[in-house]
């Protein structure tokens, strides 16, 4: 709704749980028309000292998808 109202593309982080109850650090891409054009999952999970996201997020093997938007 906000993307369409303001004519912008929104990339929003979400916590995604799949059908197998695995948790992913996901970004959803919303076009300037308000439709979801795709999503991507974090490929590299930090494991530094006490900051260890792999404790709760899975590491994606989907690569680095590219999405076409009205702005490039």
PDB file of N, CA and C in Angstrom:
ATOM      1  N   UNK A   1       0.819  -1.182   0.000  1.00  0.00           N
ATOM      2  CA  UNK A   1       0.000   0.000   0.000  1.00  0.00           C
ATOM      3  C   UNK A   1       0.875   1.262   0.000  1.00  0.00           C
ATOM      4  N   UNK A   2       1.897   1.317   0.861  1.00  0.00           N
ATOM      5  CA  UNK A   2       2.774   2.488   0.902  1.00  0.00           C
ATOM      6  C   UNK A   2       3.613   2.615  -0.363  1.00  0.00           C
ATOM      7  N   UNK A   3       4.070   1.480  -0.901  1.00  0.00           N
ATOM      8  CA  UNK A   3       4.865   1.520  -2.130  1.00  0.00           C
ATOM      9  C   UNK A   3       4.052   2.126  -3.265  1.00  0.00           C
ATOM     10  N   UNK A   4       2.814   1.701  -3.405  1.00  0.00           N
ATOM     11  CA  UNK A   4       1.945   2.221  -4.467  1.00  0.00           C
ATOM     12  C   UNK A   4       1.611   3.691  -4.217  1.00  0.00           C
ATOM     13  N   UNK A   5       1.279   4.034  -2.994  1.00  0.00           N
ATOM     14  CA  UNK A   5       0.912   5.411  -2.648  1.00  0.00           C
ATOM     15  C   UNK A   5       2.031   6.397  -2.978  1.00  0.00           C
ATOM     16  N   UNK A   6       3.282   5.998  -2.697  1.00  0.00           N
ATOM     17  CA  UNK A   6       4.414   6.903  -2.885  1.00  0.00           C
ATOM     18  C   UNK A   6       5.221   6.617  -4.153  1.00  0.00           C
ATOM     19  N   UNK A   7       4.823   5.580  -4.916  1.00  0.00           N
ATOM     20  CA  UNK A   7       5.521   5.248  -6.155  1.00  0.00           C
ATOM     21  C   UNK A   7       6.955   4.809  -5.934  1.00  0.00           C
ATOM     22  N   UNK A   8       7.177   4.009  -4.890  1.00  0.00           N
ATOM     23  CA  UNK A   8       8.531   3.582  -4.549  1.00  0.00           C
ATOM     24  C   UNK A   8       8.621   2.058  -4.497  1.00  0.00           C
ATOM     25  N   UNK A   9       9.838   1.548  -4.552  1.00  0.00           N
ATOM     26  CA  UNK A   9      10.099   0.127  -4.330  1.00  0.00           C
ATOM     27  C   UNK A   9      10.532  -0.017  -2.872  1.00  0.00           C
ATOM     28  N   UNK A  10       9.975  -1.019  -2.201  1.00  0.00           N
ATOM     29  CA  UNK A  10      10.317  -1.266  -0.804  1.00  0.00           C
ATOM     30  C   UNK A  10      11.000  -2.623  -0.691  1.00  0.00           C
ATOM     31  N   UNK A  11      12.112  -2.647   0.015  1.00  0.00           N
ATOM     32  CA  UNK A  11      12.777  -3.906   0.362  1.00  0.00           C
ATOM     33  C   UNK A  11      12.692  -4.004   1.876  1.00  0.00           C
ATOM     34  N   UNK A  12      11.933  -4.992   2.337  1.00  0.00           N
ATOM     35  CA  UNK A  12      11.641  -5.093   3.761  1.00  0.00           C
ATOM     36  C   UNK A  12      12.133  -6.411   4.344  1.00  0.00           C
ATOM     37  N   UNK A  13      12.921  -6.355   5.414  1.00  0.00           N
ATOM     38  CA  UNK A  13      13.359  -7.592   6.062  1.00  0.00           C
ATOM     39  C   UNK A  13      12.216  -8.210   6.859  1.00  0.00           C
ATOM     40  N   UNK A  14      12.143  -9.530   6.817  1.00  0.00           N
ATOM     41  CA  UNK A  14      11.150 -10.259   7.606  1.00  0.00           C
ATOM     42  C   UNK A  14      11.794 -11.518   8.173  1.00  0.00           C
ATOM     43  N   UNK A  15      11.198 -12.053   9.202  1.00  0.00           N
ATOM     44  CA  UNK A  15      11.550 -13.372   9.696  1.00  0.00           C
ATOM     45  C   UNK A  15      10.571 -14.316   9.006  1.00  0.00           C
ATOM     46  N   UNK A  16      11.084 -15.228   8.190  1.00  0.00           N
ATOM     47  CA  UNK A  16      10.237 -16.153   7.431  1.00  0.00           C
ATOM     48  C   UNK A  16      10.371 -17.561   8.000  1.00  0.00           C
ATOM     49  N   UNK A  17       9.237 -18.207   8.206  1.00  0.00           N
ATOM     50  CA  UNK A  17       9.236 -19.602   8.655  1.00  0.00           C
ATOM     51  C   UNK A  17       8.624 -20.426   7.525  1.00  0.00           C
ATOM     52  N   UNK A  18       9.359 -21.438   7.036  1.00  0.00           N
ATOM     53  CA  UNK A  18       8.854 -22.238   5.916  1.00  0.00           C
ATOM     54  C   UNK A  18       7.987 -23.396   6.417  1.00  0.00           C
ATOM     55  N   UNK A  19       7.533 -24.231   5.478  1.00  0.00           N
ATOM     56  CA  UNK A  19       6.613 -25.327   5.819  1.00  0.00           C
ATOM     57  C   UNK A  19       7.248 -26.356   6.749  1.00  0.00           C
ATOM     58  N   UNK A  20       8.585 -26.410   6.771  1.00  0.00           N
ATOM     59  CA  UNK A  20       9.297 -27.327   7.665  1.00  0.00           C
ATOM     60  C   UNK A  20       9.692 -26.648   8.983  1.00  0.00           C
ATOM     61  N   UNK A  21       9.174 -25.439   9.194  1.00  0.00           N
ATOM     62  CA  UNK A  21       9.410 -24.649  10.408  1.00  0.00           C
ATOM     63  C   UNK A  21      10.842 -24.143  10.547  1.00  0.00           C
ATOM     64  N   UNK A  22      11.597 -24.129   9.439  1.00  0.00           N
ATOM     65  CA  UNK A  22      12.931 -23.521   9.456  1.00  0.00           C
ATOM     66  C   UNK A  22      12.764 -22.006   9.396  1.00  0.00           C
ATOM     67  N   UNK A  23      13.657 -21.285  10.036  1.00  0.00           N
ATOM     68  CA  UNK A  23      13.569 -19.825  10.086  1.00  0.00           C
ATOM     69  C   UNK A  23      14.645 -19.220   9.188  1.00  0.00           C
ATOM     70  N   UNK A  24      14.226 -18.248   8.370  1.00  0.00           N
ATOM     71  CA  UNK A  24      15.108 -17.592   7.407  1.00  0.00           C
ATOM     72  C   UNK A  24      15.096 -16.085   7.640  1.00  0.00           C
ATOM     73  N   UNK A  25      16.239 -15.446   7.405  1.00  0.00           N
ATOM     74  CA  UNK A  25      16.345 -13.995   7.388  1.00  0.00           C
ATOM     75  C   UNK A  25      16.080 -13.589   5.939  1.00  0.00           C
ATOM     76  N   UNK A  26      14.875 -13.129   5.666  1.00  0.00           N
ATOM     77  CA  UNK A  26      14.396 -12.906   4.304  1.00  0.00           C
ATOM     78  C   UNK A  26      14.140 -11.428   4.059  1.00  0.00           C
ATOM     79  N   UNK A  27      14.356 -10.984   2.825  1.00  0.00           N
ATOM     80  CA  UNK A  27      13.974  -9.643   2.399  1.00  0.00           C
ATOM     81  C   UNK A  27      12.934  -9.788   1.293  1.00  0.00           C
ATOM     82  N   UNK A  28      11.813  -9.093   1.446  1.00  0.00           N
ATOM     83  CA  UNK A  28      10.740  -9.109   0.450  1.00  0.00           C
ATOM     84  C   UNK A  28      10.844  -7.835  -0.373  1.00  0.00           C
ATOM     85  N   UNK A  29      10.727  -7.972  -1.703  1.00  0.00           N
ATOM     86  CA  UNK A  29      10.810  -6.828  -2.599  1.00  0.00           C
ATOM     87  C   UNK A  29       9.410  -6.516  -3.099  1.00  0.00           C
ATOM     88  N   UNK A  30       8.950  -5.275  -2.843  1.00  0.00           N
ATOM     89  CA  UNK A  30       7.609  -4.832  -3.219  1.00  0.00           C
ATOM     90  C   UNK A  30       7.757  -3.745  -4.278  1.00  0.00           C
ATOM     91  N   UNK A  31       7.076  -3.927  -5.418  1.00  0.00           N
ATOM     92  CA  UNK A  31       7.209  -2.987  -6.534  1.00  0.00           C
ATOM     93  C   UNK A  31       6.468  -1.682  -6.258  1.00  0.00           C
ATOM     94  N   UNK A  32       6.679  -0.708  -7.135  1.00  0.00           N
ATOM     95  CA  UNK A  32       6.020   0.596  -7.020  1.00  0.00           C
ATOM     96  C   UNK A  32       4.507   0.501  -7.210  1.00  0.00           C
ATOM     97  N   UNK A  33       4.020  -0.654  -7.685  1.00  0.00           N
ATOM     98  CA  UNK A  33       2.570  -0.860  -7.832  1.00  0.00           C
ATOM     99  C   UNK A  33       1.975  -1.540  -6.605  1.00  0.00           C
ATOM    100  N   UNK A  34       2.816  -1.925  -5.661  1.00  0.00           N
ATOM    101  CA  UNK A  34       2.351  -2.560  -4.440  1.00  0.00           C
ATOM    102  C   UNK A  34       2.344  -4.071  -4.472  1.00  0.00           C
ATOM    103  N   UNK A  35       2.832  -4.671  -5.557  1.00  0.00           N
ATOM    104  CA  UNK A  35       2.860  -6.133  -5.647  1.00  0.00           C
ATOM    105  C   UNK A  35       4.227  -6.670  -5.223  1.00  0.00           C
ATOM    106  N   UNK A  36       4.218  -7.850  -4.634  1.00  0.00           N
ATOM    107  CA  UNK A  36       5.473  -8.498  -4.249  1.00  0.00           C
ATOM    108  C   UNK A  36       6.103  -9.078  -5.508  1.00  0.00           C
ATOM    109  N   UNK A  37       7.329  -8.657  -5.814  1.00  0.00           N
ATOM    110  CA  UNK A  37       7.986  -9.165  -7.024  1.00  0.00           C
ATOM    111  C   UNK A  37       9.026 -10.234  -6.711  1.00  0.00           C
ATOM    112  N   UNK A  38       9.314 -10.439  -5.442  1.00  0.00           N
ATOM    113  CA  UNK A  38      10.247 -11.503  -5.101  1.00  0.00           C
ATOM    114  C   UNK A  38      10.714 -11.422  -3.670  1.00  0.00           C
ATOM    115  N   UNK A  39      11.584 -12.372  -3.349  1.00  0.00           N
ATOM    116  CA  UNK A  39      12.201 -12.393  -2.027  1.00  0.00           C
ATOM    117  C   UNK A  39      13.581 -13.005  -2.161  1.00  0.00           C
ATOM    118  N   UNK A  40      14.411 -12.695  -1.212  1.00  0.00           N
ATOM    119  CA  UNK A  40      15.740 -13.273  -1.156  1.00  0.00           C
ATOM    120  C   UNK A  40      16.058 -13.587   0.298  1.00  0.00           C
ATOM    121  N   UNK A  41      16.873 -14.585   0.496  1.00  0.00           N
ATOM    122  CA  UNK A  41      17.247 -14.992   1.849  1.00  0.00           C
ATOM    123  C   UNK A  41      18.732 -14.746   2.063  1.00  0.00           C
ATOM    124  N   UNK A  42      19.087 -14.449   3.292  1.00  0.00           N
ATOM    125  CA  UNK A  42      20.478 -14.168   3.634  1.00  0.00           C
ATOM    126  C   UNK A  42      21.340 -15.400   3.383  1.00  0.00           C
ATOM    127  N   UNK A  43      22.419 -15.210   2.625  1.00  0.00           N
ATOM    128  CA  UNK A  43      23.320 -16.308   2.269  1.00  0.00           C
ATOM    129  C   UNK A  43      24.445 -16.513   3.276  1.00  0.00           C
ATOM    130  N   UNK A  44      24.925 -15.433   3.841  1.00  0.00           N
ATOM    131  CA  UNK A  44      26.068 -15.502   4.752  1.00  0.00           C
ATOM    132  C   UNK A  44      25.628 -15.049   6.139  1.00  0.00           C
ATOM    133  N   UNK A  45      25.631 -15.968   7.072  1.00  0.00           N
ATOM    134  CA  UNK A  45      25.173 -15.692   8.425  1.00  0.00           C
ATOM    135  C   UNK A  45      26.377 -15.377   9.319  1.00  0.00           C
ATOM    136  N   UNK A  46      26.377 -14.204   9.978  1.00  0.00           N
ATOM    137  CA  UNK A  46      27.498 -13.842  10.849  1.00  0.00           C
ATOM    138  C   UNK A  46      27.672 -14.822  12.010  1.00  0.00           C
ATOM    139  N   UNK A  47      28.920 -15.144  12.268  1.00  0.00           N
ATOM    140  CA  UNK A  47      29.294 -15.979  13.413  1.00  0.00           C
ATOM    141  C   UNK A  47      30.502 -15.328  14.081  1.00  0.00           C
ATOM    142  N   UNK A  48      30.256 -14.227  14.788  1.00  0.00           N
ATOM    143  CA  UNK A  48      31.335 -13.450  15.381  1.00  0.00           C
ATOM    144  C   UNK A  48      31.066 -13.270  16.872  1.00  0.00           C
ATOM    145  N   UNK A  49      31.888 -13.876  17.692  1.00  0.00           N
ATOM    146  CA  UNK A  49      31.733 -13.737  19.139  1.00  0.00           C
ATOM    147  C   UNK A  49      30.338 -14.124  19.600  1.00  0.00           C
ATOM    148  N   UNK A  50      29.715 -13.218  20.344  1.00  0.00           N
ATOM    149  CA  UNK A  50      28.362 -13.463  20.837  1.00  0.00           C
ATOM    150  C   UNK A  50      27.303 -13.219  19.769  1.00  0.00           C
ATOM    151  N   UNK A  51      27.703 -12.610  18.647  1.00  0.00           N
ATOM    152  CA  UNK A  51      26.762 -12.318  17.561  1.00  0.00           C
ATOM    153  C   UNK A  51      26.766 -13.502  16.603  1.00  0.00           C
ATOM    154  N   UNK A  52      25.897 -14.466  16.836  1.00  0.00           N
ATOM    155  CA  UNK A  52      25.878 -15.705  16.064  1.00  0.00           C
ATOM    156  C   UNK A  52      24.464 -15.978  15.560  1.00  0.00           C
ATOM    157  N   UNK A  53      24.116 -15.385  14.408  1.00  0.00           N
ATOM    158  CA  UNK A  53      22.770 -15.548  13.857  1.00  0.00           C
ATOM    159  C   UNK A  53      22.459 -16.992  13.474  1.00  0.00           C
ATOM    160  N   UNK A  54      23.488 -17.812  13.268  1.00  0.00           N
ATOM    161  CA  UNK A  54      23.240 -19.203  12.873  1.00  0.00           C
ATOM    162  C   UNK A  54      22.560 -19.993  13.988  1.00  0.00           C
ATOM    163  N   UNK A  55      22.494 -19.411  15.175  1.00  0.00           N
ATOM    164  CA  UNK A  55      21.775 -20.044  16.279  1.00  0.00           C
ATOM    165  C   UNK A  55      20.286 -20.134  15.978  1.00  0.00           C
ATOM    166  N   UNK A  56      19.764 -19.161  15.196  1.00  0.00           N
ATOM    167  CA  UNK A  56      18.326 -19.153  14.935  1.00  0.00           C
ATOM    168  C   UNK A  56      17.948 -19.019  13.469  1.00  0.00           C
ATOM    169  N   UNK A  57      18.849 -18.576  12.590  1.00  0.00           N
ATOM    170  CA  UNK A  57      18.548 -18.473  11.157  1.00  0.00           C
ATOM    171  C   UNK A  57      19.291 -19.545  10.373  1.00  0.00           C
ATOM    172  N   UNK A  58      18.662 -20.025   9.299  1.00  0.00           N
ATOM    173  CA  UNK A  58      19.322 -20.939   8.372  1.00  0.00           C
ATOM    174  C   UNK A  58      20.072 -20.119   7.327  1.00  0.00           C
ATOM    175  N   UNK A  59      21.106 -20.693   6.747  1.00  0.00           N
ATOM    176  CA  UNK A  59      21.874 -20.048   5.683  1.00  0.00           C
ATOM    177  C   UNK A  59      21.311 -20.503   4.341  1.00  0.00           C
ATOM    178  N   UNK A  60      20.956 -19.551   3.489  1.00  0.00           N
ATOM    179  CA  UNK A  60      20.332 -19.866   2.203  1.00  0.00           C
ATOM    180  C   UNK A  60      21.359 -20.338   1.177  1.00  0.00           C
ATOM    181  N   UNK A  61      20.913 -21.203   0.291  1.00  0.00           N
ATOM    182  CA  UNK A  61      21.732 -21.658  -0.838  1.00  0.00           C
ATOM    183  C   UNK A  61      21.131 -21.189  -2.162  1.00  0.00           C
ATOM    184  N   UNK A  62      20.250 -20.190  -2.107  1.00  0.00           N
ATOM    185  CA  UNK A  62      19.550 -19.717  -3.305  1.00  0.00           C
ATOM    186  C   UNK A  62      20.385 -18.780  -4.166  1.00  0.00           C
ATOM    187  N   UNK A  63      21.556 -18.398  -3.706  1.00  0.00           N
ATOM    188  CA  UNK A  63      22.386 -17.491  -4.490  1.00  0.00           C
ATOM    189  C   UNK A  63      21.959 -16.046  -4.300  1.00  0.00           C
ATOM    190  N   UNK A  64      22.167 -15.248  -5.335  1.00  0.00           N
ATOM    191  CA  UNK A  64      21.905 -13.810  -5.270  1.00  0.00           C
ATOM    192  C   UNK A  64      20.959 -13.411  -6.404  1.00  0.00           C
ATOM    193  N   UNK A  65      19.646 -13.586  -6.216  1.00  0.00           N
ATOM    194  CA  UNK A  65      18.704 -13.256  -7.285  1.00  0.00           C
ATOM    195  C   UNK A  65      18.681 -11.754  -7.569  1.00  0.00           C
ATOM    196  N   UNK A  66      18.383 -11.419  -8.815  1.00  0.00           N
ATOM    197  CA  UNK A  66      18.270 -10.030  -9.258  1.00  0.00           C
ATOM    198  C   UNK A  66      16.828  -9.801  -9.674  1.00  0.00           C
ATOM    199  N   UNK A  67      16.252  -8.673  -9.259  1.00  0.00           N
ATOM    200  CA  UNK A  67      14.857  -8.372  -9.555  1.00  0.00           C
ATOM    201  C   UNK A  67      14.763  -7.115 -10.403  1.00  0.00           C
ATOM    202  N   UNK A  68      13.947  -7.170 -11.423  1.00  0.00           N
ATOM    203  CA  UNK A  68      13.721  -6.021 -12.297  1.00  0.00           C
ATOM    204  C   UNK A  68      12.642  -5.144 -11.680  1.00  0.00           C
ATOM    205  N   UNK A  69      12.939  -3.855 -11.523  1.00  0.00           N
ATOM    206  CA  UNK A  69      11.954  -2.907 -11.005  1.00  0.00           C
ATOM    207  C   UNK A  69      11.786  -1.775 -12.009  1.00  0.00           C
ATOM    208  N   UNK A  70      10.860  -0.896 -11.742  1.00  0.00           N
ATOM    209  CA  UNK A  70      10.640   0.255 -12.621  1.00  0.00           C
ATOM    210  C   UNK A  70      11.830   1.207 -12.603  1.00  0.00           C
ATOM    211  N   UNK A  71      12.696   1.058 -11.631  1.00  0.00           N
ATOM    212  CA  UNK A  71      13.827   1.963 -11.474  1.00  0.00           C
ATOM    213  C   UNK A  71      15.165   1.317 -11.813  1.00  0.00           C
ATOM    214  N   UNK A  72      15.114   0.105 -12.331  1.00  0.00           N
ATOM    215  CA  UNK A  72      16.341  -0.586 -12.713  1.00  0.00           C
ATOM    216  C   UNK A  72      16.470  -1.925 -12.073  1.00  0.00           C
TER     217      UNK A  72
END
